[in-house]
Amino acid sequence: METLALVLETAMIALFGFSWPNNIMKTLQNKSTKGKSLLFLLLIDTGYVAGIASKFITLAAGGEKPWIFYFGLAVYILNFVMVTTDLILYFYYRSKEKKDN
């Protein structure tokens, strides 16, 4: 039963993760922060940090973990990196927009 829960959790975060490359590409193509919400990006990144922390707490508790546990941890980290990339782009293009005005 625990493995099924891990599979479903990993599927959820993996499916969320499919949207981030597209979001990053749109930011790079538009070179703009229009339509972006800083609060949204920060909340999502904070959620991924909470998920990563949860995985490390579970690891610290000991016991053998199935491979899907580690895959889920990797997906959390990958999603965090992608959202952080989008945040960096947000601040970069936001500063350029402020200079142009």
PDB file of N, CA and C in Angstrom:
ATOM      1  N   MET A   1       0.822  -1.198   0.000  1.00  0.00           N
ATOM      2  CA  MET A   1       0.000   0.000   0.000  1.00  0.00           C
ATOM      3  C   MET A   1       0.866   1.261   0.000  1.00  0.00           C
ATOM      4  N   GLU A   2       1.960   1.222   0.764  1.00  0.00           N
ATOM      5  CA  GLU A   2       2.861   2.380   0.809  1.00  0.00           C
ATOM      6  C   GLU A   2       3.459   2.655  -0.570  1.00  0.00           C
ATOM      7  N   THR A   3       3.791   1.596  -1.299  1.00  0.00           N
ATOM      8  CA  THR A   3       4.375   1.768  -2.629  1.00  0.00           C
ATOM      9  C   THR A   3       3.374   2.427  -3.573  1.00  0.00           C
ATOM     10  N   LEU A   4       2.110   2.034  -3.494  1.00  0.00           N
ATOM     11  CA  LEU A   4       1.079   2.654  -4.335  1.00  0.00           C
ATOM     12  C   LEU A   4       0.962   4.142  -4.025  1.00  0.00           C
ATOM     13  N   ALA A   5       1.006   4.505  -2.751  1.00  0.00           N
ATOM     14  CA  ALA A   5       0.945   5.919  -2.373  1.00  0.00           C
ATOM     15  C   ALA A   5       2.135   6.676  -2.954  1.00  0.00           C
ATOM     16  N   LEU A   6       3.319   6.063  -2.924  1.00  0.00           N
ATOM     17  CA  LEU A   6       4.510   6.705  -3.494  1.00  0.00           C
ATOM     18  C   LEU A   6       4.396   6.849  -5.008  1.00  0.00           C
ATOM     19  N   VAL A   7       3.843   5.840  -5.668  1.00  0.00           N
ATOM     20  CA  VAL A   7       3.645   5.905  -7.126  1.00  0.00           C
ATOM     21  C   VAL A   7       2.700   7.057  -7.467  1.00  0.00           C
ATOM     22  N   LEU A   8       1.602   7.174  -6.721  1.00  0.00           N
ATOM     23  CA  LEU A   8       0.633   8.243  -6.990  1.00  0.00           C
ATOM     24  C   LEU A   8       1.226   9.625  -6.702  1.00  0.00           C
ATOM     25  N   GLU A   9       1.982   9.743  -5.612  1.00  0.00           N
ATOM     26  CA  GLU A   9       2.630  11.019  -5.297  1.00  0.00           C
ATOM     27  C   GLU A   9       3.620  11.395  -6.397  1.00  0.00           C
ATOM     28  N   THR A  10       4.412  10.425  -6.827  1.00  0.00           N
ATOM     29  CA  THR A  10       5.401  10.688  -7.868  1.00  0.00           C
ATOM     30  C   THR A  10       4.722  11.055  -9.178  1.00  0.00           C
ATOM     31  N   ALA A  11       3.630  10.385  -9.501  1.00  0.00           N
ATOM     32  CA  ALA A  11       2.879  10.725 -10.719  1.00  0.00           C
ATOM     33  C   ALA A  11       2.374  12.161 -10.646  1.00  0.00           C
ATOM     34  N   MET A  12       1.866  12.550  -9.486  1.00  0.00           N
ATOM     35  CA  MET A  12       1.346  13.911  -9.327  1.00  0.00           C
ATOM     36  C   MET A  12       2.439  14.947  -9.566  1.00  0.00           C
ATOM     37  N   ILE A  13       3.589  14.779  -8.898  1.00  0.00           N
ATOM     38  CA  ILE A  13       4.626  15.803  -9.052  1.00  0.00           C
ATOM     39  C   ILE A  13       5.272  15.749 -10.433  1.00  0.00           C
ATOM     40  N   ALA A  14       5.329  14.563 -11.028  1.00  0.00           N
ATOM     41  CA  ALA A  14       5.867  14.465 -12.391  1.00  0.00           C
ATOM     42  C   ALA A  14       4.944  15.179 -13.373  1.00  0.00           C
ATOM     43  N   LEU A  15       3.637  14.991 -13.213  1.00  0.00           N
ATOM     44  CA  LEU A  15       2.687  15.659 -14.111  1.00  0.00           C
ATOM     45  C   LEU A  15       2.718  17.172 -13.922  1.00  0.00           C
ATOM     46  N   PHE A  16       2.838  17.635 -12.673  1.00  0.00           N
ATOM     47  CA  PHE A  16       3.010  19.073 -12.452  1.00  0.00           C
ATOM     48  C   PHE A  16       4.267  19.559 -13.166  1.00  0.00           C
ATOM     49  N   GLY A  17       5.301  18.751 -13.099  1.00  0.00           N
ATOM     50  CA  GLY A  17       6.597  19.136 -13.667  1.00  0.00           C
ATOM     51  C   GLY A  17       6.594  19.306 -15.171  1.00  0.00           C
ATOM     52  N   PHE A  18       5.664  18.649 -15.868  1.00  0.00           N
ATOM     53  CA  PHE A  18       5.631  18.776 -17.328  1.00  0.00           C
ATOM     54  C   PHE A  18       5.305  20.197 -17.777  1.00  0.00           C
ATOM     55  N   SER A  19       4.690  20.992 -16.917  1.00  0.00           N
ATOM     56  CA  SER A  19       4.320  22.355 -17.314  1.00  0.00           C
ATOM     57  C   SER A  19       5.494  23.330 -17.220  1.00  0.00           C
ATOM     58  N   TRP A  20       6.498  23.045 -16.406  1.00  0.00           N
ATOM     59  CA  TRP A  20       7.557  24.030 -16.171  1.00  0.00           C
ATOM     60  C   TRP A  20       8.472  24.287 -17.371  1.00  0.00           C
ATOM     61  N   PRO A  21       8.890  23.270 -18.127  1.00  0.00           N
ATOM     62  CA  PRO A  21       9.720  23.599 -19.298  1.00  0.00           C
ATOM     63  C   PRO A  21       9.005  24.529 -20.273  1.00  0.00           C
ATOM     64  N   ASN A  22       7.704  24.306 -20.472  1.00  0.00           N
ATOM     65  CA  ASN A  22       6.919  25.165 -21.353  1.00  0.00           C
ATOM     66  C   ASN A  22       6.855  26.584 -20.798  1.00  0.00           C
ATOM     67  N   ASN A  23       6.678  26.710 -19.508  1.00  0.00           N
ATOM     68  CA  ASN A  23       6.608  28.014 -18.859  1.00  0.00           C
ATOM     69  C   ASN A  23       7.944  28.769 -19.015  1.00  0.00           C
ATOM     70  N   ILE A  24       9.034  28.051 -18.827  1.00  0.00           N
ATOM     71  CA  ILE A  24      10.367  28.655 -18.970  1.00  0.00           C
ATOM     72  C   ILE A  24      10.587  29.103 -20.418  1.00  0.00           C
ATOM     73  N   MET A  25      10.197  28.254 -21.363  1.00  0.00           N
ATOM     74  CA  MET A  25      10.367  28.608 -22.788  1.00  0.00           C
ATOM     75  C   MET A  25       9.547  29.850 -23.156  1.00  0.00           C
ATOM     76  N   LYS A  26       8.338  29.951 -22.625  1.00  0.00           N
ATOM     77  CA  LYS A  26       7.502  31.134 -22.893  1.00  0.00           C
ATOM     78  C   LYS A  26       8.177  32.394 -22.357  1.00  0.00           C
ATOM     79  N   THR A  27       8.748  32.300 -21.173  1.00  0.00           N
ATOM     80  CA  THR A  27       9.434  33.448 -20.585  1.00  0.00           C
ATOM     81  C   THR A  27      10.618  33.847 -21.461  1.00  0.00           C
ATOM     82  N   LEU A  28      11.386  32.872 -21.914  1.00  0.00           N
ATOM     83  CA  LEU A  28      12.545  33.166 -22.756  1.00  0.00           C
ATOM     84  C   LEU A  28      12.129  33.754 -24.109  1.00  0.00           C
ATOM     85  N   GLN A  29      11.044  33.257 -24.676  1.00  0.00           N
ATOM     86  CA  GLN A  29      10.575  33.758 -25.966  1.00  0.00           C
ATOM     87  C   GLN A  29       9.991  35.161 -25.854  1.00  0.00           C
ATOM     88  N   ASN A  30       9.185  35.396 -24.816  1.00  0.00           N
ATOM     89  CA  ASN A  30       8.521  36.687 -24.656  1.00  0.00           C
ATOM     90  C   ASN A  30       9.427  37.748 -24.056  1.00  0.00           C
ATOM     91  N   LYS A  31      10.461  37.307 -23.346  1.00  0.00           N
ATOM     92  CA  LYS A  31      11.365  38.236 -22.657  1.00  0.00           C
ATOM     93  C   LYS A  31      10.575  39.239 -21.808  1.00  0.00           C
ATOM     94  N   SER A  32       9.562  38.696 -21.118  1.00  0.00           N
ATOM     95  CA  SER A  32       8.656  39.548 -20.362  1.00  0.00           C
ATOM     96  C   SER A  32       8.134  38.805 -19.139  1.00  0.00           C
ATOM     97  N   THR A  33       7.722  39.575 -18.138  1.00  0.00           N
ATOM     98  CA  THR A  33       7.105  38.990 -16.951  1.00  0.00           C
ATOM     99  C   THR A  33       5.582  39.106 -16.994  1.00  0.00           C
ATOM    100  N   LYS A  34       5.058  39.613 -18.110  1.00  0.00           N
ATOM    101  CA  LYS A  34       3.601  39.741 -18.235  1.00  0.00           C
ATOM    102  C   LYS A  34       2.950  38.376 -18.070  1.00  0.00           C
ATOM    103  N   GLY A  35       1.907  38.348 -17.245  1.00  0.00           N
ATOM    104  CA  GLY A  35       1.187  37.115 -17.015  1.00  0.00           C
ATOM    105  C   GLY A  35       1.819  36.225 -15.960  1.00  0.00           C
ATOM    106  N   LYS A  36       2.939  36.651 -15.416  1.00  0.00           N
ATOM    107  CA  LYS A  36       3.627  35.870 -14.380  1.00  0.00           C
ATOM    108  C   LYS A  36       3.253  36.414 -13.012  1.00  0.00           C
ATOM    109  N   SER A  37       3.163  35.511 -12.053  1.00  0.00           N
ATOM    110  CA  SER A  37       2.879  35.904 -10.679  1.00  0.00           C
ATOM    111  C   SER A  37       4.056  35.482  -9.803  1.00  0.00           C
ATOM    112  N   LEU A  38       4.737  36.469  -9.237  1.00  0.00           N
ATOM    113  CA  LEU A  38       5.866  36.185  -8.357  1.00  0.00           C
ATOM    114  C   LEU A  38       5.394  35.369  -7.154  1.00  0.00           C
ATOM    115  N   LEU A  39       4.268  35.741  -6.574  1.00  0.00           N
ATOM    116  CA  LEU A  39       3.747  35.025  -5.416  1.00  0.00           C
ATOM    117  C   LEU A  39       3.478  33.556  -5.763  1.00  0.00           C
ATOM    118  N   PHE A  40       2.886  33.311  -6.914  1.00  0.00           N
ATOM    119  CA  PHE A  40       2.600  31.945  -7.347  1.00  0.00           C
ATOM    120  C   PHE A  40       3.889  31.133  -7.445  1.00  0.00           C
ATOM    121  N   LEU A  41       4.899  31.678  -8.109  1.00  0.00           N
ATOM    122  CA  LEU A  41       6.168  30.963  -8.258  1.00  0.00           C
ATOM    123  C   LEU A  41       6.815  30.682  -6.904  1.00  0.00           C
ATOM    124  N   LEU A  42       6.767  31.664  -6.008  1.00  0.00           N
ATOM    125  CA  LEU A  42       7.351  31.474  -4.680  1.00  0.00           C
ATOM    126  C   LEU A  42       6.591  30.413  -3.879  1.00  0.00           C
ATOM    127  N   LEU A  43       5.275  30.417  -3.982  1.00  0.00           N
ATOM    128  CA  LEU A  43       4.485  29.415  -3.271  1.00  0.00           C
ATOM    129  C   LEU A  43       4.751  28.007  -3.809  1.00  0.00           C
ATOM    130  N   ILE A  44       4.842  27.880  -5.115  1.00  0.00           N
ATOM    131  CA  ILE A  44       5.123  26.571  -5.711  1.00  0.00           C
ATOM    132  C   ILE A  44       6.503  26.082  -5.274  1.00  0.00           C
ATOM    133  N   ASP A  45       7.507  26.951  -5.342  1.00  0.00           N
ATOM    134  CA  ASP A  45       8.856  26.560  -4.923  1.00  0.00           C
ATOM    135  C   ASP A  45       8.876  26.165  -3.442  1.00  0.00           C
ATOM    136  N   THR A  46       8.153  26.901  -2.610  1.00  0.00           N
ATOM    137  CA  THR A  46       8.074  26.568  -1.186  1.00  0.00           C
ATOM    138  C   THR A  46       7.424  25.198  -0.988  1.00  0.00           C
ATOM    139  N   GLY A  47       6.419  24.903  -1.782  1.00  0.00           N
ATOM    140  CA  GLY A  47       5.783  23.581  -1.721  1.00  0.00           C
ATOM    141  C   GLY A  47       6.749  22.468  -2.082  1.00  0.00           C
ATOM    142  N   TYR A  48       7.569  22.709  -3.106  1.00  0.00           N
ATOM    143  CA  TYR A  48       8.564  21.703  -3.484  1.00  0.00           C
ATOM    144  C   TYR A  48       9.612  21.537  -2.385  1.00  0.00           C
ATOM    145  N   VAL A  49      10.003  22.610  -1.741  1.00  0.00           N
ATOM    146  CA  VAL A  49      10.947  22.515  -0.612  1.00  0.00           C
ATOM    147  C   VAL A  49      10.336  21.665   0.503  1.00  0.00           C
ATOM    148  N   ALA A  50       9.044  21.866   0.767  1.00  0.00           N
ATOM    149  CA  ALA A  50       8.370  21.065   1.789  1.00  0.00           C
ATOM    150  C   ALA A  50       8.357  19.583   1.400  1.00  0.00           C
ATOM    151  N   GLY A  51       8.113  19.299   0.146  1.00  0.00           N
ATOM    152  CA  GLY A  51       8.121  17.912  -0.328  1.00  0.00           C
ATOM    153  C   GLY A  51       9.498  17.277  -0.205  1.00  0.00           C
ATOM    154  N   ILE A  52      10.529  18.037  -0.565  1.00  0.00           N
ATOM    155  CA  ILE A  52      11.905  17.544  -0.447  1.00  0.00           C
ATOM    156  C   ILE A  52      12.244  17.302   1.018  1.00  0.00           C
ATOM    157  N   ALA A  53      11.873  18.236   1.891  1.00  0.00           N
ATOM    158  CA  ALA A  53      12.138  18.076   3.325  1.00  0.00           C
ATOM    159  C   ALA A  53      11.428  16.834   3.865  1.00  0.00           C
ATOM    160  N   SER A  54      10.204  16.605   3.426  1.00  0.00           N
ATOM    161  CA  SER A  54       9.457  15.426   3.847  1.00  0.00           C
ATOM    162  C   SER A  54      10.194  14.147   3.468  1.00  0.00           C
ATOM    163  N   LYS A  55      10.732  14.125   2.255  1.00  0.00           N
ATOM    164  CA  LYS A  55      11.484  12.937   1.807  1.00  0.00           C
ATOM    165  C   LYS A  55      12.726  12.721   2.673  1.00  0.00           C
ATOM    166  N   PHE A  56      13.440  13.800   2.987  1.00  0.00           N
ATOM    167  CA  PHE A  56      14.646  13.658   3.804  1.00  0.00           C
ATOM    168  C   PHE A  56      14.300  13.247   5.240  1.00  0.00           C
ATOM    169  N   ILE A  57      13.192  13.726   5.763  1.00  0.00           N
ATOM    170  CA  ILE A  57      12.753  13.302   7.096  1.00  0.00           C
ATOM    171  C   ILE A  57      12.422  11.811   7.085  1.00  0.00           C
ATOM    172  N   THR A  58      11.762  11.365   6.041  1.00  0.00           N
ATOM    173  CA  THR A  58      11.445   9.942   5.904  1.00  0.00           C
ATOM    174  C   THR A  58      12.721   9.114   5.793  1.00  0.00           C
ATOM    175  N   LEU A  59      13.704   9.614   5.045  1.00  0.00           N
ATOM    176  CA  LEU A  59      14.990   8.917   4.951  1.00  0.00           C
ATOM    177  C   LEU A  59      15.674   8.826   6.307  1.00  0.00           C
ATOM    178  N   ALA A  60      15.631   9.900   7.069  1.00  0.00           N
ATOM    179  CA  ALA A  60      16.285   9.934   8.380  1.00  0.00           C
ATOM    180  C   ALA A  60      15.636   8.954   9.355  1.00  0.00           C
ATOM    181  N   ALA A  61      14.360   8.646   9.139  1.00  0.00           N
ATOM    182  CA  ALA A  61      13.661   7.703  10.014  1.00  0.00           C
ATOM    183  C   ALA A  61      14.161   6.275   9.820  1.00  0.00           C
ATOM    184  N   GLY A  62      14.875   6.076   8.724  1.00  0.00           N
ATOM    185  CA  GLY A  62      15.468   4.758   8.489  1.00  0.00           C
ATOM    186  C   GLY A  62      14.545   3.821   7.739  1.00  0.00           C
ATOM    187  N   GLY A  63      15.034   2.641   7.545  1.00  0.00           N
ATOM    188  CA  GLY A  63      14.274   1.630   6.824  1.00  0.00           C
ATOM    189  C   GLY A  63      14.562   1.665   5.343  1.00  0.00           C
ATOM    190  N   GLU A  64      14.330   0.545   4.715  1.00  0.00           N
ATOM    191  CA  GLU A  64      14.574   0.429   3.279  1.00  0.00           C
ATOM    192  C   GLU A  64      13.439   1.091   2.510  1.00  0.00           C
ATOM    193  N   LYS A  65      13.799   1.805   1.475  1.00  0.00           N
ATOM    194  CA  LYS A  65      12.815   2.519   0.654  1.00  0.00           C
ATOM    195  C   LYS A  65      12.805   1.912  -0.756  1.00  0.00           C
ATOM    196  N   PRO A  66      11.622   1.819  -1.364  1.00  0.00           N
ATOM    197  CA  PRO A  66      11.563   1.324  -2.746  1.00  0.00           C
ATOM    198  C   PRO A  66      12.135   2.365  -3.710  1.00  0.00           C
ATOM    199  N   TRP A  67      12.499   1.927  -4.892  1.00  0.00           N
ATOM    200  CA  TRP A  67      13.114   2.809  -5.894  1.00  0.00           C
ATOM    201  C   TRP A  67      12.232   4.005  -6.204  1.00  0.00           C
ATOM    202  N   ILE A  68      10.918   3.827  -6.162  1.00  0.00           N
ATOM    203  CA  ILE A  68      10.001   4.928  -6.502  1.00  0.00           C
ATOM    204  C   ILE A  68      10.134   6.080  -5.510  1.00  0.00           C
ATOM    205  N   PHE A  69      10.512   5.788  -4.283  1.00  0.00           N
ATOM    206  CA  PHE A  69      10.742   6.833  -3.282  1.00  0.00           C
ATOM    207  C   PHE A  69      11.839   7.778  -3.767  1.00  0.00           C
ATOM    208  N   TYR A  70      12.952   7.201  -4.226  1.00  0.00           N
ATOM    209  CA  TYR A  70      14.088   8.005  -4.683  1.00  0.00           C
ATOM    210  C   TYR A  70      13.777   8.721  -5.998  1.00  0.00           C
ATOM    211  N   PHE A  71      12.998   8.071  -6.845  1.00  0.00           N
ATOM    212  CA  PHE A  71      12.577   8.724  -8.086  1.00  0.00           C
ATOM    213  C   PHE A  71      11.705   9.933  -7.766  1.00  0.00           C
ATOM    214  N   GLY A  72      10.802   9.770  -6.802  1.00  0.00           N
ATOM    215  CA  GLY A  72       9.950  10.889  -6.380  1.00  0.00           C
ATOM    216  C   GLY A  72      10.770  12.042  -5.836  1.00  0.00           C
ATOM    217  N   LEU A  73      11.783  11.731  -5.040  1.00  0.00           N
ATOM    218  CA  LEU A  73      12.680  12.772  -4.514  1.00  0.00           C
ATOM    219  C   LEU A  73      13.373  13.505  -5.662  1.00  0.00           C
ATOM    220  N   ALA A  74      13.838  12.743  -6.641  1.00  0.00           N
ATOM    221  CA  ALA A  74      14.507  13.354  -7.800  1.00  0.00           C
ATOM    222  C   ALA A  74      13.562  14.274  -8.567  1.00  0.00           C
ATOM    223  N   VAL A  75      12.297  13.876  -8.699  1.00  0.00           N
ATOM    224  CA  VAL A  75      11.317  14.704  -9.421  1.00  0.00           C
ATOM    225  C   VAL A  75      11.033  15.988  -8.643  1.00  0.00           C
ATOM    226  N   TYR A  76      10.921  15.888  -7.316  1.00  0.00           N
ATOM    227  CA  TYR A  76      10.748  17.097  -6.497  1.00  0.00           C
ATOM    228  C   TYR A  76      11.913  18.064  -6.752  1.00  0.00           C
ATOM    229  N   ILE A  77      13.122  17.539  -6.727  1.00  0.00           N
ATOM    230  CA  ILE A  77      14.309  18.384  -6.913  1.00  0.00           C
ATOM    231  C   ILE A  77      14.320  18.989  -8.311  1.00  0.00           C
ATOM    232  N   LEU A  78      14.017  18.177  -9.326  1.00  0.00           N
ATOM    233  CA  LEU A  78      13.976  18.685 -10.701  1.00  0.00           C
ATOM    234  C   LEU A  78      12.933  19.794 -10.844  1.00  0.00           C
ATOM    235  N   ASN A  79      11.751  19.590 -10.285  1.00  0.00           N
ATOM    236  CA  ASN A  79      10.710  20.622 -10.355  1.00  0.00           C
ATOM    237  C   ASN A  79      11.149  21.894  -9.636  1.00  0.00           C
ATOM    238  N   PHE A  80      11.778  21.730  -8.481  1.00  0.00           N
ATOM    239  CA  PHE A  80      12.286  22.888  -7.733  1.00  0.00           C
ATOM    240  C   PHE A  80      13.286  23.673  -8.583  1.00  0.00           C
ATOM    241  N   VAL A  81      14.180  22.974  -9.249  1.00  0.00           N
ATOM    242  CA  VAL A  81      15.184  23.630 -10.100  1.00  0.00           C
ATOM    243  C   VAL A  81      14.502  24.378 -11.249  1.00  0.00           C
ATOM    244  N   MET A  82      13.487  23.767 -11.852  1.00  0.00           N
ATOM    245  CA  MET A  82      12.806  24.431 -12.970  1.00  0.00           C
ATOM    246  C   MET A  82      12.058  25.678 -12.508  1.00  0.00           C
ATOM    247  N   VAL A  83      11.360  25.603 -11.379  1.00  0.00           N
ATOM    248  CA  VAL A  83      10.635  26.778 -10.883  1.00  0.00           C
ATOM    249  C   VAL A  83      11.629  27.863 -10.470  1.00  0.00           C
ATOM    250  N   THR A  84      12.738  27.467  -9.866  1.00  0.00           N
ATOM    251  CA  THR A  84      13.764  28.436  -9.495  1.00  0.00           C
ATOM    252  C   THR A  84      14.345  29.103 -10.737  1.00  0.00           C
ATOM    253  N   THR A  85      14.523  28.342 -11.807  1.00  0.00           N
ATOM    254  CA  THR A  85      14.975  28.915 -13.076  1.00  0.00           C
ATOM    255  C   THR A  85      13.980  29.958 -13.571  1.00  0.00           C
ATOM    256  N   ASP A  86      12.699  29.630 -13.488  1.00  0.00           N
ATOM    257  CA  ASP A  86      11.674  30.588 -13.902  1.00  0.00           C
ATOM    258  C   ASP A  86      11.685  31.827 -13.006  1.00  0.00           C
ATOM    259  N   LEU A  87      11.947  31.642 -11.713  1.00  0.00           N
ATOM    260  CA  LEU A  87      12.071  32.790 -10.800  1.00  0.00           C
ATOM    261  C   LEU A  87      13.248  33.680 -11.181  1.00  0.00           C
ATOM    262  N   ILE A  88      14.371  33.078 -11.501  1.00  0.00           N
ATOM    263  CA  ILE A  88      15.555  33.847 -11.918  1.00  0.00           C
ATOM    264  C   ILE A  88      15.239  34.643 -13.185  1.00  0.00           C
ATOM    265  N   LEU A  89      14.581  33.988 -14.137  1.00  0.00           N
ATOM    266  CA  LEU A  89      14.190  34.689 -15.358  1.00  0.00           C
ATOM    267  C   LEU A  89      13.210  35.818 -15.049  1.00  0.00           C
ATOM    268  N   TYR A  90      12.302  35.576 -14.116  1.00  0.00           N
ATOM    269  CA  TYR A  90      11.343  36.608 -13.712  1.00  0.00           C
ATOM    270  C   TYR A  90      12.094  37.854 -13.242  1.00  0.00           C
ATOM    271  N   PHE A  91      13.026  37.678 -12.320  1.00  0.00           N
ATOM    272  CA  PHE A  91      13.761  38.823 -11.778  1.00  0.00           C
ATOM    273  C   PHE A  91      14.635  39.478 -12.852  1.00  0.00           C
ATOM    274  N   TYR A  92      15.211  38.685 -13.733  1.00  0.00           N
ATOM    275  CA  TYR A  92      16.048  39.232 -14.810  1.00  0.00           C
ATOM    276  C   TYR A  92      15.218  40.121 -15.737  1.00  0.00           C
ATOM    277  N   TYR A  93      14.106  39.579 -16.229  1.00  0.00           N
ATOM    278  CA  TYR A  93      13.288  40.353 -17.165  1.00  0.00           C
ATOM    279  C   TYR A  93      12.532  41.482 -16.469  1.00  0.00           C
ATOM    280  N   ARG A  94      12.210  41.298 -15.209  1.00  0.00           N
ATOM    281  CA  ARG A  94      11.547  42.379 -14.454  1.00  0.00           C
ATOM    282  C   ARG A  94      12.477  43.586 -14.324  1.00  0.00           C
ATOM    283  N   SER A  95      13.752  43.315 -14.054  1.00  0.00           N
ATOM    284  CA  SER A  95      14.711  44.435 -13.925  1.00  0.00           C
ATOM    285  C   SER A  95      14.895  45.134 -15.265  1.00  0.00           C
ATOM    286  N   LYS A  96      14.885  44.376 -16.362  1.00  0.00           N
ATOM    287  CA  LYS A  96      14.995  45.000 -17.687  1.00  0.00           C
ATOM    288  C   LYS A  96      13.755  45.840 -18.007  1.00  0.00           C
ATOM    289  N   GLU A  97      12.588  45.350 -17.601  1.00  0.00           N
ATOM    290  CA  GLU A  97      11.346  46.102 -17.848  1.00  0.00           C
ATOM    291  C   GLU A  97      11.351  47.405 -17.063  1.00  0.00           C
ATOM    292  N   LYS A  98      11.866  47.377 -15.850  1.00  0.00           N
ATOM    293  CA  LYS A  98      11.920  48.594 -15.043  1.00  0.00           C
ATOM    294  C   LYS A  98      12.885  49.612 -15.636  1.00  0.00           C
ATOM    295  N   LYS A  99      13.992  49.144 -16.204  1.00  0.00           N
ATOM    296  CA  LYS A  99      14.962  50.055 -16.843  1.00  0.00           C
ATOM    297  C   LYS A  99      14.381  50.693 -18.091  1.00  0.00           C
ATOM    298  N   ASP A 100      13.552  49.951 -18.811  1.00  0.00           N
ATOM    299  CA  ASP A 100      12.955  50.451 -20.050  1.00  0.00           C
ATOM    300  C   ASP A 100      11.873  51.496 -19.778  1.00  0.00           C
ATOM    301  N   ASN A 101      11.327  51.512 -18.573  1.00  0.00           N
ATOM    302  CA  ASN A 101      10.248  52.465 -18.264  1.00  0.00           C
ATOM    303  C   ASN A 101      10.757  53.707 -17.657  1.00  0.00           C
TER     304      ASN A 101
END
